[in-house]
Amino acid sequence: MKYSFSNKRIFCILLFYFSVVSAQKVTFINNTNTAVTIKNGDKEINIQEHEKKELADVTDILMLKEIDRSIYLFLEPTEKLTVTLEKGNKLHYAGNRALVYEYINGNLNADTYGKFNDYVKAVKNKNIGELAKYSELLLIDILRNIKQTTILPTENDSYATKKMKSYIKYNWLMTVFSAIDSQNYTSFSGNAFNYFKKYIEADIPQYRCVTFYQYSVLENLARYNNLLEKKLPTYPIIEHTTTERDNINQFLPKTCQKYYFSNKYEYLNHLNSPEKEYYKKILNEKFNDQ
């Protein structure tokens, strides 16, 4: 009886798990007069003009190749979302948390990048209070738009919500950190980075560079590591380059070092430069386990 009960219990758990996962749905409608290609992980999905298609196994990022647009999604297991591409390359969202996705994919970058000049002004004035005020007032507005009360994860947050907060946090911090670094006021910059580092302190022991924002934030901190109150951990350098670059890479975990080489390869590949082969070789030989 015990064996039978255990098997029945496992079956019920698996049934619940797969029914929940399969309930997550994203539907894409191409409401234009040309076909589009969506990159979903390693898969490419072609959607003809005025075609509606349900997407399976959706990743966090969908890429619309023809118009070079990214759609960031942080779906709960039972959520349903419909994304419609309209004429003029406008995206419309309908379904669960549609307004949140509308904001993340439509206005978030404009809001964060739009504050850059205000941040630079505060840095030039060497006024951390002013910099904190500009950035944290924006953060309050962002949180209101994504229906959250804090950018830091809480014990009640779902996995999807934690990923969404992380993406937005690093998007927001990247612009702040770029403004600080742009002026290179050594002492002030160190104090400013020490102030904002509190937002990522809990991430540092298991830091991963999945997005450009994460990479940029950690790279900026690495430049000023000698001025940080709590130093960054060091890592083995996977591939040595210049002394200046190694001084930064020593504070980047392997995923972030890989991000550096990937960026170099993508840039040189875009230029069709023969130098790209060096970076391709490094990625294949030194980072193929990532």
Foldseek 3Di string as FASTA:
>chain_A
DVVVVVVVVVVVVVVVVVVLQVLEKEKEFEQDQAWWWKDFPPDIDIAGHRGMDIDPPGDQWIATPVVGAIQGDLDGSNWYKYWYQHPVRDIAIDTPQRQLSCCVRPPLLCLQLVCLVQLLVCVVVLHLVSNCVSLVVSVCVNCVSNVHDDLDDDPPDDPSSVVVSVVSVLSNVLSNLCSLVVVCPQQSSLVNCQVPCVRCVVVQVVQAPPDPSSLSNLLSCLVNQVSHPDHAAFDDQQDDDDPVVVSRNRRPPPNSSLVVLVVVLVVCVVVVHPVSVVSVVCCVPRPPVD
